[in-house]
């Protein structure tokens, strides 16, 4: 399949072929997420039904510590995540959605004023631009301008995933984060699967092998990807399953940071409990959960992330040389301590 078709086919599939979520031919874009926090459910209930019905995603992308942040949603579609997150960043924050599909953008823009009134804001804190997630500069998005970038089951639709990651890195501020959910395969996909239009539109044909994500992310400058959650995808379509054979897929959420190169020195940290919605504990990723006032030993990678990102004010860092007493919690560490792989093999 030529690159041009890769770029135009998703526009037709998500703009014309799919009218609502019920038109999807597999459950890849409906993969179950983790339990939704009450404050997120409250925000989702305020979103217009048409926006929700025309939303297609494979997870829930709600990073923590959002108040006042400037946020970008790659492949924002009908705008559901943008409108949900616009409530969490608050009136002083801002959310920009970028999408290539005019039909989806039309739905998203239609309800800007509606949601501004619904949220009680004096002026909108959301805007939508048309463009490709591989071409953020061409869409007018400036370098070093966003605190956080999210994406929900969209990166797999791009024919140039390295360019997606490098452009995301460019527009993030120092200390910024790419927090995204997507579909990953148990191994590199065959050309037959990659060139199957329906599998591509259903988020399976463009799925990365998770090992390629690790490689590409670090090549463009990000910290090693940190796995947050992963859920196995059951396609539930006999025709598509026959083509896929023994390939397995997961919907996984990763977080990547634009922070200085990590040190190998472990650190002791204490979570202060001041992040909205996470007053008792913060489940940072699949390896680390921080409870309020509990001393936790973290590896050099996580120490660098916490101390050079928006989380710096949310933790107390023990001075170097302080001995780790018996009360220090040490997380369970997998064989690969720098990046935790989803279980798809």
C-alpha atoms as a PDB file:
ATOM      1  CA  UNK A   1       0.000   0.000   0.000  1.00  0.00           C
ATOM      2  CA  UNK A   2       1.489   3.358  -0.996  1.00  0.00           C
ATOM      3  CA  UNK A   3       2.113   6.026   1.632  1.00  0.00           C
ATOM      4  CA  UNK A   4      -0.522   8.280   0.065  1.00  0.00           C
ATOM      5  CA  UNK A   5      -3.166   5.594   0.514  1.00  0.00           C
ATOM      6  CA  UNK A   6      -2.005   5.082   4.110  1.00  0.00           C
ATOM      7  CA  UNK A   7      -2.683   8.769   4.731  1.00  0.00           C
ATOM      8  CA  UNK A   8      -6.008   9.047   2.883  1.00  0.00           C
ATOM      9  CA  UNK A   9      -7.630   5.718   3.761  1.00  0.00           C
ATOM     10  CA  UNK A  10      -8.047   6.442   7.503  1.00  0.00           C
ATOM     11  CA  UNK A  11      -9.752   9.740   6.583  1.00  0.00           C
ATOM     12  CA  UNK A  12     -12.362   7.854   4.569  1.00  0.00           C
ATOM     13  CA  UNK A  13     -12.660   5.020   7.089  1.00  0.00           C
ATOM     14  CA  UNK A  14     -13.166   7.249  10.127  1.00  0.00           C
ATOM     15  CA  UNK A  15     -14.939  10.035   8.272  1.00  0.00           C
ATOM     16  CA  UNK A  16     -17.291   8.134   5.979  1.00  0.00           C
ATOM     17  CA  UNK A  17     -17.291   4.351   6.582  1.00  0.00           C
ATOM     18  CA  UNK A  18     -17.710   4.577  10.367  1.00  0.00           C
ATOM     19  CA  UNK A  19     -20.725   6.547  11.536  1.00  0.00           C
ATOM     20  CA  UNK A  20     -20.717   5.389  15.171  1.00  0.00           C
ATOM     21  CA  UNK A  21     -18.680   3.002  17.364  1.00  0.00           C
ATOM     22  CA  UNK A  22     -21.083   0.161  16.475  1.00  0.00           C
ATOM     23  CA  UNK A  23     -19.771   0.176  12.881  1.00  0.00           C
ATOM     24  CA  UNK A  24     -16.334  -1.090  13.981  1.00  0.00           C
ATOM     25  CA  UNK A  25     -15.531  -4.599  12.671  1.00  0.00           C
ATOM     26  CA  UNK A  26     -13.358  -5.651  15.640  1.00  0.00           C
ATOM     27  CA  UNK A  27     -12.947  -4.738  19.288  1.00  0.00           C
ATOM     28  CA  UNK A  28      -9.424  -3.344  18.887  1.00  0.00           C
ATOM     29  CA  UNK A  29     -10.710   0.202  19.280  1.00  0.00           C
ATOM     30  CA  UNK A  30     -12.972  -0.859  22.135  1.00  0.00           C
ATOM     31  CA  UNK A  31     -10.405  -2.660  24.277  1.00  0.00           C
ATOM     32  CA  UNK A  32     -11.253  -2.448  27.986  1.00  0.00           C
ATOM     33  CA  UNK A  33      -9.433   0.134  30.035  1.00  0.00           C
ATOM     34  CA  UNK A  34      -8.630   0.132  33.730  1.00  0.00           C
ATOM     35  CA  UNK A  35     -11.343   1.269  36.180  1.00  0.00           C
ATOM     36  CA  UNK A  36     -12.153   4.910  35.478  1.00  0.00           C
ATOM     37  CA  UNK A  37     -11.582   7.299  38.415  1.00  0.00           C
ATOM     38  CA  UNK A  38     -14.678   9.095  39.712  1.00  0.00           C
ATOM     39  CA  UNK A  39     -13.413  12.562  38.777  1.00  0.00           C
ATOM     40  CA  UNK A  40     -12.836  11.395  35.179  1.00  0.00           C
ATOM     41  CA  UNK A  41     -16.299   9.817  34.978  1.00  0.00           C
ATOM     42  CA  UNK A  42     -17.750  13.115  36.150  1.00  0.00           C
ATOM     43  CA  UNK A  43     -15.909  14.951  33.364  1.00  0.00           C
ATOM     44  CA  UNK A  44     -16.983  12.429  30.719  1.00  0.00           C
ATOM     45  CA  UNK A  45     -20.655  12.819  31.663  1.00  0.00           C
ATOM     46  CA  UNK A  46     -20.527  16.495  30.718  1.00  0.00           C
ATOM     47  CA  UNK A  47     -19.546  15.768  27.107  1.00  0.00           C
ATOM     48  CA  UNK A  48     -22.169  16.041  24.365  1.00  0.00           C
ATOM     49  CA  UNK A  49     -23.586  12.629  23.271  1.00  0.00           C
ATOM     50  CA  UNK A  50     -22.736  13.136  19.582  1.00  0.00           C
ATOM     51  CA  UNK A  51     -19.080  13.716  20.452  1.00  0.00           C
ATOM     52  CA  UNK A  52     -19.024  10.511  22.505  1.00  0.00           C
ATOM     53  CA  UNK A  53     -20.836   8.385  19.915  1.00  0.00           C
ATOM     54  CA  UNK A  54     -18.341   9.273  17.181  1.00  0.00           C
ATOM     55  CA  UNK A  55     -15.266   8.669  19.305  1.00  0.00           C
ATOM     56  CA  UNK A  56     -12.977   5.682  18.585  1.00  0.00           C
ATOM     57  CA  UNK A  57     -10.186   4.821  21.025  1.00  0.00           C
ATOM     58  CA  UNK A  58      -8.449   1.814  22.587  1.00  0.00           C
ATOM     59  CA  UNK A  59      -7.871   3.006  26.134  1.00  0.00           C
ATOM     60  CA  UNK A  60      -8.212   5.894  28.532  1.00  0.00           C
ATOM     61  CA  UNK A  61      -5.504   8.538  28.372  1.00  0.00           C
ATOM     62  CA  UNK A  62      -5.652  10.637  31.520  1.00  0.00           C
ATOM     63  CA  UNK A  63      -2.202  11.529  32.826  1.00  0.00           C
ATOM     64  CA  UNK A  64      -1.963  12.995  36.313  1.00  0.00           C
ATOM     65  CA  UNK A  65      -1.073  16.488  37.518  1.00  0.00           C
ATOM     66  CA  UNK A  66      -2.825  18.442  34.751  1.00  0.00           C
ATOM     67  CA  UNK A  67      -3.929  21.738  36.296  1.00  0.00           C
ATOM     68  CA  UNK A  68      -2.802  24.688  34.191  1.00  0.00           C
ATOM     69  CA  UNK A  69      -1.033  22.532  31.617  1.00  0.00           C
ATOM     70  CA  UNK A  70      -0.941  23.094  27.873  1.00  0.00           C
ATOM     71  CA  UNK A  71      -1.883  19.808  26.238  1.00  0.00           C
ATOM     72  CA  UNK A  72      -1.943  18.408  22.677  1.00  0.00           C
ATOM     73  CA  UNK A  73      -4.116  15.484  21.537  1.00  0.00           C
ATOM     74  CA  UNK A  74      -2.741  13.648  18.482  1.00  0.00           C
ATOM     75  CA  UNK A  75      -5.606  12.355  16.360  1.00  0.00           C
ATOM     76  CA  UNK A  76      -8.298  14.030  18.449  1.00  0.00           C
ATOM     77  CA  UNK A  77     -11.198  12.760  16.326  1.00  0.00           C
ATOM     78  CA  UNK A  78     -14.574  13.953  17.544  1.00  0.00           C
ATOM     79  CA  UNK A  79     -12.915  15.678  20.509  1.00  0.00           C
ATOM     80  CA  UNK A  80     -14.044  13.496  23.415  1.00  0.00           C
ATOM     81  CA  UNK A  81     -10.659  13.333  25.116  1.00  0.00           C
ATOM     82  CA  UNK A  82     -10.042  17.037  24.455  1.00  0.00           C
ATOM     83  CA  UNK A  83     -13.281  18.048  26.138  1.00  0.00           C
ATOM     84  CA  UNK A  84     -12.702  15.673  29.037  1.00  0.00           C
ATOM     85  CA  UNK A  85      -9.153  16.935  29.579  1.00  0.00           C
ATOM     86  CA  UNK A  86     -10.159  20.590  29.143  1.00  0.00           C
ATOM     87  CA  UNK A  87     -12.026  20.228  32.437  1.00  0.00           C
ATOM     88  CA  UNK A  88      -8.974  18.705  34.140  1.00  0.00           C
ATOM     89  CA  UNK A  89      -6.449  21.313  32.982  1.00  0.00           C
ATOM     90  CA  UNK A  90      -8.889  23.992  34.133  1.00  0.00           C
ATOM     91  CA  UNK A  91      -9.686  27.396  32.704  1.00  0.00           C
ATOM     92  CA  UNK A  92      -6.032  28.472  32.936  1.00  0.00           C
ATOM     93  CA  UNK A  93      -4.876  25.447  30.940  1.00  0.00           C
ATOM     94  CA  UNK A  94      -5.425  24.741  27.261  1.00  0.00           C
ATOM     95  CA  UNK A  95      -6.047  21.711  25.032  1.00  0.00           C
ATOM     96  CA  UNK A  96      -5.347  21.542  21.293  1.00  0.00           C
ATOM     97  CA  UNK A  97      -6.609  18.688  19.169  1.00  0.00           C
ATOM     98  CA  UNK A  98      -5.124  17.825  15.779  1.00  0.00           C
ATOM     99  CA  UNK A  99      -6.798  15.479  13.308  1.00  0.00           C
ATOM    100  CA  UNK A 100      -6.621  14.859   9.560  1.00  0.00           C
ATOM    101  CA  UNK A 101     -10.308  13.970   9.151  1.00  0.00           C
ATOM    102  CA  UNK A 102     -12.565  16.911   8.311  1.00  0.00           C
ATOM    103  CA  UNK A 103     -15.740  15.007   9.208  1.00  0.00           C
ATOM    104  CA  UNK A 104     -14.439  14.329  12.711  1.00  0.00           C
ATOM    105  CA  UNK A 105     -13.187  17.886  13.147  1.00  0.00           C
ATOM    106  CA  UNK A 106     -16.590  19.203  12.109  1.00  0.00           C
ATOM    107  CA  UNK A 107     -18.188  17.326  15.015  1.00  0.00           C
ATOM    108  CA  UNK A 108     -15.505  18.495  17.466  1.00  0.00           C
ATOM    109  CA  UNK A 109     -15.710  22.177  16.467  1.00  0.00           C
ATOM    110  CA  UNK A 110     -19.496  22.134  16.458  1.00  0.00           C
ATOM    111  CA  UNK A 111     -19.587  21.830  20.248  1.00  0.00           C
ATOM    112  CA  UNK A 112     -16.842  24.225  21.379  1.00  0.00           C
ATOM    113  CA  UNK A 113     -19.313  26.880  22.567  1.00  0.00           C
ATOM    114  CA  UNK A 114     -21.610  24.236  24.062  1.00  0.00           C
ATOM    115  CA  UNK A 115     -18.844  22.847  26.262  1.00  0.00           C
ATOM    116  CA  UNK A 116     -17.488  26.274  27.196  1.00  0.00           C
ATOM    117  CA  UNK A 117     -20.908  27.053  28.699  1.00  0.00           C
ATOM    118  CA  UNK A 118     -21.292  23.560  30.182  1.00  0.00           C
ATOM    119  CA  UNK A 119     -17.951  23.869  31.997  1.00  0.00           C
ATOM    120  CA  UNK A 120     -18.690  27.413  33.193  1.00  0.00           C
ATOM    121  CA  UNK A 121     -15.693  28.971  31.417  1.00  0.00           C
ATOM    122  CA  UNK A 122     -15.589  32.590  30.262  1.00  0.00           C
ATOM    123  CA  UNK A 123     -13.869  31.612  27.021  1.00  0.00           C
ATOM    124  CA  UNK A 124     -12.934  28.325  25.288  1.00  0.00           C
ATOM    125  CA  UNK A 125      -9.790  26.546  26.420  1.00  0.00           C
ATOM    126  CA  UNK A 126      -9.960  24.086  23.510  1.00  0.00           C
ATOM    127  CA  UNK A 127      -9.146  24.460  19.823  1.00  0.00           C
ATOM    128  CA  UNK A 128      -8.890  22.045  16.906  1.00  0.00           C
ATOM    129  CA  UNK A 129      -6.542  22.139  13.911  1.00  0.00           C
ATOM    130  CA  UNK A 130      -6.500  20.020  10.784  1.00  0.00           C
ATOM    131  CA  UNK A 131      -3.251  18.288   9.969  1.00  0.00           C
ATOM    132  CA  UNK A 132      -1.198  15.118  10.134  1.00  0.00           C
ATOM    133  CA  UNK A 133       0.373  13.834  13.339  1.00  0.00           C
ATOM    134  CA  UNK A 134       3.603  13.287  11.352  1.00  0.00           C
ATOM    135  CA  UNK A 135       3.654  16.979  10.344  1.00  0.00           C
ATOM    136  CA  UNK A 136       3.045  19.094  13.433  1.00  0.00           C
ATOM    137  CA  UNK A 137       5.234  21.967  12.239  1.00  0.00           C
ATOM    138  CA  UNK A 138       3.281  22.197   8.997  1.00  0.00           C
ATOM    139  CA  UNK A 139       0.085  22.365  11.055  1.00  0.00           C
ATOM    140  CA  UNK A 140       1.439  25.460  12.822  1.00  0.00           C
ATOM    141  CA  UNK A 141       2.349  23.846  16.150  1.00  0.00           C
ATOM    142  CA  UNK A 142       5.405  25.504  17.641  1.00  0.00           C
ATOM    143  CA  UNK A 143       8.547  23.935  19.068  1.00  0.00           C
ATOM    144  CA  UNK A 144       8.745  23.560  22.882  1.00  0.00           C
ATOM    145  CA  UNK A 145       5.132  24.639  23.352  1.00  0.00           C
ATOM    146  CA  UNK A 146       3.293  21.771  25.106  1.00  0.00           C
ATOM    147  CA  UNK A 147       3.573  20.295  28.600  1.00  0.00           C
ATOM    148  CA  UNK A 148       1.869  17.026  27.695  1.00  0.00           C
ATOM    149  CA  UNK A 149       0.918  15.188  24.507  1.00  0.00           C
ATOM    150  CA  UNK A 150      -1.700  12.439  24.544  1.00  0.00           C
ATOM    151  CA  UNK A 151      -2.929  10.071  21.857  1.00  0.00           C
ATOM    152  CA  UNK A 152      -5.552   7.353  21.929  1.00  0.00           C
ATOM    153  CA  UNK A 153      -5.218   4.526  19.386  1.00  0.00           C
ATOM    154  CA  UNK A 154      -3.977   6.780  16.574  1.00  0.00           C
ATOM    155  CA  UNK A 155      -0.202   6.347  16.226  1.00  0.00           C
ATOM    156  CA  UNK A 156      -0.779   2.900  14.692  1.00  0.00           C
ATOM    157  CA  UNK A 157      -2.636   4.600  11.806  1.00  0.00           C
ATOM    158  CA  UNK A 158       0.482   6.503  10.772  1.00  0.00           C
ATOM    159  CA  UNK A 159       2.799   5.111   8.079  1.00  0.00           C
ATOM    160  CA  UNK A 160       5.774   6.960   9.626  1.00  0.00           C
ATOM    161  CA  UNK A 161       5.803   6.326  13.356  1.00  0.00           C
ATOM    162  CA  UNK A 162       9.344   7.596  13.822  1.00  0.00           C
ATOM    163  CA  UNK A 163       8.246  10.970  12.439  1.00  0.00           C
ATOM    164  CA  UNK A 164       5.268  10.997  14.813  1.00  0.00           C
ATOM    165  CA  UNK A 165       7.586  10.503  17.783  1.00  0.00           C
ATOM    166  CA  UNK A 166      10.226  12.977  16.588  1.00  0.00           C
ATOM    167  CA  UNK A 167       7.623  15.689  15.935  1.00  0.00           C
ATOM    168  CA  UNK A 168       6.071  15.052  19.350  1.00  0.00           C
ATOM    169  CA  UNK A 169       9.504  15.404  20.944  1.00  0.00           C
ATOM    170  CA  UNK A 170      10.056  18.689  19.081  1.00  0.00           C
ATOM    171  CA  UNK A 171       6.845  20.395  20.247  1.00  0.00           C
ATOM    172  CA  UNK A 172       7.138  19.211  23.862  1.00  0.00           C
ATOM    173  CA  UNK A 173       8.721  21.520  26.423  1.00  0.00           C
ATOM    174  CA  UNK A 174      11.731  20.242  28.364  1.00  0.00           C
ATOM    175  CA  UNK A 175      10.339  17.949  31.044  1.00  0.00           C
ATOM    176  CA  UNK A 176       7.248  17.279  28.930  1.00  0.00           C
ATOM    177  CA  UNK A 177       5.536  13.938  28.460  1.00  0.00           C
ATOM    178  CA  UNK A 178       4.024  11.859  25.674  1.00  0.00           C
ATOM    179  CA  UNK A 179       1.321   9.747  27.339  1.00  0.00           C
ATOM    180  CA  UNK A 180      -0.480   7.529  24.867  1.00  0.00           C
ATOM    181  CA  UNK A 181      -2.501   4.386  24.395  1.00  0.00           C
ATOM    182  CA  UNK A 182      -2.109   2.274  21.272  1.00  0.00           C
ATOM    183  CA  UNK A 183      -2.165  -1.229  19.823  1.00  0.00           C
ATOM    184  CA  UNK A 184       0.976  -3.394  19.818  1.00  0.00           C
ATOM    185  CA  UNK A 185       1.719  -6.765  18.239  1.00  0.00           C
ATOM    186  CA  UNK A 186       3.520  -9.824  19.569  1.00  0.00           C
ATOM    187  CA  UNK A 187       6.001  -9.617  16.678  1.00  0.00           C
ATOM    188  CA  UNK A 188       6.619  -7.682  13.469  1.00  0.00           C
ATOM    189  CA  UNK A 189       3.617  -7.847  11.132  1.00  0.00           C
ATOM    190  CA  UNK A 190       3.603  -9.499   7.709  1.00  0.00           C
ATOM    191  CA  UNK A 191       3.085  -7.441   4.551  1.00  0.00           C
ATOM    192  CA  UNK A 192      -0.311  -9.114   4.044  1.00  0.00           C
ATOM    193  CA  UNK A 193      -1.548  -7.746   7.355  1.00  0.00           C
ATOM    194  CA  UNK A 194       0.082  -4.344   6.873  1.00  0.00           C
ATOM    195  CA  UNK A 195      -1.586  -3.927   3.464  1.00  0.00           C
ATOM    196  CA  UNK A 196      -5.078  -5.018   4.531  1.00  0.00           C
ATOM    197  CA  UNK A 197      -7.258  -1.914   4.492  1.00  0.00           C
ATOM    198  CA  UNK A 198      -9.816  -3.036   7.070  1.00  0.00           C
ATOM    199  CA  UNK A 199      -7.139  -4.293   9.472  1.00  0.00           C
ATOM    200  CA  UNK A 200      -5.381  -0.940   9.069  1.00  0.00           C
ATOM    201  CA  UNK A 201      -8.572   0.986   9.796  1.00  0.00           C
ATOM    202  CA  UNK A 202      -9.301  -1.280  12.765  1.00  0.00           C
ATOM    203  CA  UNK A 203      -5.935  -0.314  14.352  1.00  0.00           C
ATOM    204  CA  UNK A 204      -4.369  -3.758  13.800  1.00  0.00           C
ATOM    205  CA  UNK A 205      -2.622  -3.494  10.415  1.00  0.00           C
ATOM    206  CA  UNK A 206      -0.423  -0.625  11.590  1.00  0.00           C
ATOM    207  CA  UNK A 207       0.362  -1.972  15.054  1.00  0.00           C
ATOM    208  CA  UNK A 208       3.978  -1.726  16.148  1.00  0.00           C
ATOM    209  CA  UNK A 209       5.903  -4.560  17.695  1.00  0.00           C
ATOM    210  CA  UNK A 210       6.485  -3.166  21.192  1.00  0.00           C
ATOM    211  CA  UNK A 211      10.255  -3.622  20.808  1.00  0.00           C
ATOM    212  CA  UNK A 212      10.229  -1.185  17.883  1.00  0.00           C
ATOM    213  CA  UNK A 213       8.531   1.409  20.082  1.00  0.00           C
ATOM    214  CA  UNK A 214      11.375   1.126  22.606  1.00  0.00           C
ATOM    215  CA  UNK A 215      13.968   1.560  19.851  1.00  0.00           C
ATOM    216  CA  UNK A 216      12.247   4.449  18.027  1.00  0.00           C
ATOM    217  CA  UNK A 217      11.457   6.363  21.207  1.00  0.00           C
ATOM    218  CA  UNK A 218      15.048   6.381  22.364  1.00  0.00           C
ATOM    219  CA  UNK A 219      16.393   7.145  18.890  1.00  0.00           C
ATOM    220  CA  UNK A 220      14.468  10.443  18.805  1.00  0.00           C
ATOM    221  CA  UNK A 221      15.519  11.398  22.350  1.00  0.00           C
ATOM    222  CA  UNK A 222      12.797  10.215  24.717  1.00  0.00           C
ATOM    223  CA  UNK A 223      13.426   8.393  27.962  1.00  0.00           C
ATOM    224  CA  UNK A 224      12.797   4.621  27.722  1.00  0.00           C
ATOM    225  CA  UNK A 225       9.014   3.978  27.498  1.00  0.00           C
ATOM    226  CA  UNK A 226       7.327   3.194  30.806  1.00  0.00           C
ATOM    227  CA  UNK A 227       4.390   0.781  30.585  1.00  0.00           C
ATOM    228  CA  UNK A 228       1.307   1.982  32.494  1.00  0.00           C
ATOM    229  CA  UNK A 229      -1.366  -0.578  31.583  1.00  0.00           C
ATOM    230  CA  UNK A 230      -1.910  -3.360  29.030  1.00  0.00           C
ATOM    231  CA  UNK A 231      -5.008  -5.314  27.995  1.00  0.00           C
ATOM    232  CA  UNK A 232      -5.153  -8.255  25.589  1.00  0.00           C
ATOM    233  CA  UNK A 233      -7.252  -7.637  22.470  1.00  0.00           C
ATOM    234  CA  UNK A 234      -9.615 -10.383  21.303  1.00  0.00           C
ATOM    235  CA  UNK A 235     -10.589  -9.474  17.751  1.00  0.00           C
ATOM    236  CA  UNK A 236     -13.952 -11.323  17.794  1.00  0.00           C
ATOM    237  CA  UNK A 237     -14.277 -11.340  14.002  1.00  0.00           C
ATOM    238  CA  UNK A 238     -13.742 -14.755  12.369  1.00  0.00           C
ATOM    239  CA  UNK A 239     -12.854 -13.339   8.957  1.00  0.00           C
ATOM    240  CA  UNK A 240     -10.189 -11.029  10.376  1.00  0.00           C
ATOM    241  CA  UNK A 241      -8.905 -13.679  12.798  1.00  0.00           C
ATOM    242  CA  UNK A 242      -8.267 -16.028   9.856  1.00  0.00           C
ATOM    243  CA  UNK A 243      -5.982 -13.413   8.292  1.00  0.00           C
ATOM    244  CA  UNK A 244      -4.218 -12.602  11.568  1.00  0.00           C
ATOM    245  CA  UNK A 245      -3.382 -16.214  12.375  1.00  0.00           C
ATOM    246  CA  UNK A 246      -1.348 -16.551  15.583  1.00  0.00           C
ATOM    247  CA  UNK A 247      -0.481 -12.876  15.902  1.00  0.00           C
ATOM    248  CA  UNK A 248      -1.487 -11.474  19.279  1.00  0.00           C
ATOM    249  CA  UNK A 249      -2.288  -7.854  20.115  1.00  0.00           C
ATOM    250  CA  UNK A 250      -2.570  -5.707  23.221  1.00  0.00           C
ATOM    251  CA  UNK A 251      -3.876  -2.256  23.927  1.00  0.00           C
ATOM    252  CA  UNK A 252      -1.123  -0.656  25.995  1.00  0.00           C
ATOM    253  CA  UNK A 253      -0.544   2.761  27.527  1.00  0.00           C
ATOM    254  CA  UNK A 254       3.012   4.057  27.722  1.00  0.00           C
ATOM    255  CA  UNK A 255       4.558   7.240  29.048  1.00  0.00           C
ATOM    256  CA  UNK A 256       7.662   8.802  27.477  1.00  0.00           C
ATOM    257  CA  UNK A 257       9.436  11.866  28.877  1.00  0.00           C
ATOM    258  CA  UNK A 258      11.642  14.581  27.407  1.00  0.00           C
ATOM    259  CA  UNK A 259      14.133  14.705  30.272  1.00  0.00           C
ATOM    260  CA  UNK A 260      17.939  14.701  30.635  1.00  0.00           C
ATOM    261  CA  UNK A 261      19.765  11.439  30.166  1.00  0.00           C
ATOM    262  CA  UNK A 262      19.230   9.170  33.118  1.00  0.00           C
ATOM    263  CA  UNK A 263      21.789   8.408  35.763  1.00  0.00           C
ATOM    264  CA  UNK A 264      22.287   4.938  37.171  1.00  0.00           C
ATOM    265  CA  UNK A 265      21.943   6.206  40.727  1.00  0.00           C
ATOM    266  CA  UNK A 266      18.884   5.141  42.690  1.00  0.00           C
ATOM    267  CA  UNK A 267      17.042   7.734  44.773  1.00  0.00           C
ATOM    268  CA  UNK A 268      14.623   7.847  47.694  1.00  0.00           C
ATOM    269  CA  UNK A 269      11.394   9.747  47.075  1.00  0.00           C
ATOM    270  CA  UNK A 270       8.243  10.569  49.038  1.00  0.00           C
ATOM    271  CA  UNK A 271       4.933  11.354  47.321  1.00  0.00           C
ATOM    272  CA  UNK A 272       3.282  14.390  48.923  1.00  0.00           C
ATOM    273  CA  UNK A 273      -0.315  13.492  47.950  1.00  0.00           C
ATOM    274  CA  UNK A 274      -1.290  16.847  46.446  1.00  0.00           C
ATOM    275  CA  UNK A 275      -2.309  15.747  42.929  1.00  0.00           C
ATOM    276  CA  UNK A 276      -6.046  16.094  42.284  1.00  0.00           C
ATOM    277  CA  UNK A 277      -7.741  12.690  42.304  1.00  0.00           C
ATOM    278  CA  UNK A 278      -4.689  10.954  43.767  1.00  0.00           C
ATOM    279  CA  UNK A 279      -4.788  12.018  47.401  1.00  0.00           C
ATOM    280  CA  UNK A 280      -3.831   8.631  48.838  1.00  0.00           C
ATOM    281  CA  UNK A 281      -1.588   7.078  46.201  1.00  0.00           C
ATOM    282  CA  UNK A 282      -0.234   7.605  42.692  1.00  0.00           C
ATOM    283  CA  UNK A 283       0.039   4.611  40.357  1.00  0.00           C
ATOM    284  CA  UNK A 284       2.797   6.019  38.197  1.00  0.00           C
ATOM    285  CA  UNK A 285       3.280   2.957  35.992  1.00  0.00           C
ATOM    286  CA  UNK A 286       3.160  -0.845  36.121  1.00  0.00           C
ATOM    287  CA  UNK A 287       6.278  -0.900  38.299  1.00  0.00           C
ATOM    288  CA  UNK A 288       5.861   1.991  40.732  1.00  0.00           C
ATOM    289  CA  UNK A 289       2.913   2.955  42.941  1.00  0.00           C
ATOM    290  CA  UNK A 290       3.606   5.755  45.407  1.00  0.00           C
ATOM    291  CA  UNK A 291       1.616   5.994  48.637  1.00  0.00           C
ATOM    292  CA  UNK A 292       1.463   9.287  50.505  1.00  0.00           C
ATOM    293  CA  UNK A 293       4.376   9.825  52.907  1.00  0.00           C
ATOM    294  CA  UNK A 294       5.903   6.437  52.107  1.00  0.00           C
ATOM    295  CA  UNK A 295       9.618   6.390  51.285  1.00  0.00           C
ATOM    296  CA  UNK A 296      10.216   4.550  48.012  1.00  0.00           C
ATOM    297  CA  UNK A 297      13.513   3.693  46.366  1.00  0.00           C
ATOM    298  CA  UNK A 298      13.372   4.421  42.608  1.00  0.00           C
ATOM    299  CA  UNK A 299      15.888   3.672  39.896  1.00  0.00           C
ATOM    300  CA  UNK A 300      17.906   6.396  38.191  1.00  0.00           C
ATOM    301  CA  UNK A 301      15.528   6.574  35.231  1.00  0.00           C
ATOM    302  CA  UNK A 302      12.455   7.311  37.339  1.00  0.00           C
ATOM    303  CA  UNK A 303      14.415   9.668  39.602  1.00  0.00           C
ATOM    304  CA  UNK A 304      15.350  11.715  36.529  1.00  0.00           C
ATOM    305  CA  UNK A 305      11.755  11.732  35.279  1.00  0.00           C
ATOM    306  CA  UNK A 306      10.276  12.812  38.601  1.00  0.00           C
ATOM    307  CA  UNK A 307      12.856  15.515  39.267  1.00  0.00           C
ATOM    308  CA  UNK A 308      12.844  17.081  35.777  1.00  0.00           C
ATOM    309  CA  UNK A 309       9.119  17.016  34.941  1.00  0.00           C
ATOM    310  CA  UNK A 310       5.881  18.546  36.233  1.00  0.00           C
ATOM    311  CA  UNK A 311       6.032  15.958  39.044  1.00  0.00           C
ATOM    312  CA  UNK A 312       9.043  17.623  40.683  1.00  0.00           C
ATOM    313  CA  UNK A 313       6.906  19.661  43.111  1.00  0.00           C
ATOM    314  CA  UNK A 314       4.792  16.610  43.998  1.00  0.00           C
ATOM    315  CA  UNK A 315       7.657  14.647  45.564  1.00  0.00           C
ATOM    316  CA  UNK A 316      10.231  15.119  48.295  1.00  0.00           C
ATOM    317  CA  UNK A 317      13.635  13.830  47.277  1.00  0.00           C
ATOM    318  CA  UNK A 318      15.887  12.430  49.969  1.00  0.00           C
ATOM    319  CA  UNK A 319      19.409  13.922  49.957  1.00  0.00           C
ATOM    320  CA  UNK A 320      22.174  11.740  48.517  1.00  0.00           C
ATOM    321  CA  UNK A 321      23.843   9.522  51.066  1.00  0.00           C
ATOM    322  CA  UNK A 322      20.769   9.025  53.279  1.00  0.00           C
ATOM    323  CA  UNK A 323      20.712   5.302  54.121  1.00  0.00           C
ATOM    324  CA  UNK A 324      17.714   3.273  52.985  1.00  0.00           C
ATOM    325  CA  UNK A 325      16.265   1.949  56.212  1.00  0.00           C
ATOM    326  CA  UNK A 326      14.012  -1.021  56.691  1.00  0.00           C
ATOM    327  CA  UNK A 327      10.950   1.165  56.080  1.00  0.00           C
ATOM    328  CA  UNK A 328      11.934   1.907  52.479  1.00  0.00           C
ATOM    329  CA  UNK A 329       9.708   0.274  49.889  1.00  0.00           C
ATOM    330  CA  UNK A 330      11.394  -1.388  46.918  1.00  0.00           C
ATOM    331  CA  UNK A 331       9.143  -2.217  43.948  1.00  0.00           C
ATOM    332  CA  UNK A 332       9.121  -5.539  42.174  1.00  0.00           C
ATOM    333  CA  UNK A 333      11.430  -5.270  39.191  1.00  0.00           C
ATOM    334  CA  UNK A 334      11.080  -7.272  35.977  1.00  0.00           C
ATOM    335  CA  UNK A 335      14.056  -8.680  34.147  1.00  0.00           C
ATOM    336  CA  UNK A 336      14.164  -5.548  32.021  1.00  0.00           C
ATOM    337  CA  UNK A 337      14.102  -2.815  34.648  1.00  0.00           C
ATOM    338  CA  UNK A 338      14.169   0.119  32.244  1.00  0.00           C
ATOM    339  CA  UNK A 339      11.153  -0.763  30.112  1.00  0.00           C
ATOM    340  CA  UNK A 340       8.378  -3.140  31.047  1.00  0.00           C
ATOM    341  CA  UNK A 341       7.007  -5.051  28.065  1.00  0.00           C
ATOM    342  CA  UNK A 342       3.326  -5.905  27.627  1.00  0.00           C
ATOM    343  CA  UNK A 343       2.633  -9.618  27.849  1.00  0.00           C
ATOM    344  CA  UNK A 344       1.815 -10.456  24.231  1.00  0.00           C
ATOM    345  CA  UNK A 345       4.084 -13.392  23.553  1.00  0.00           C
END
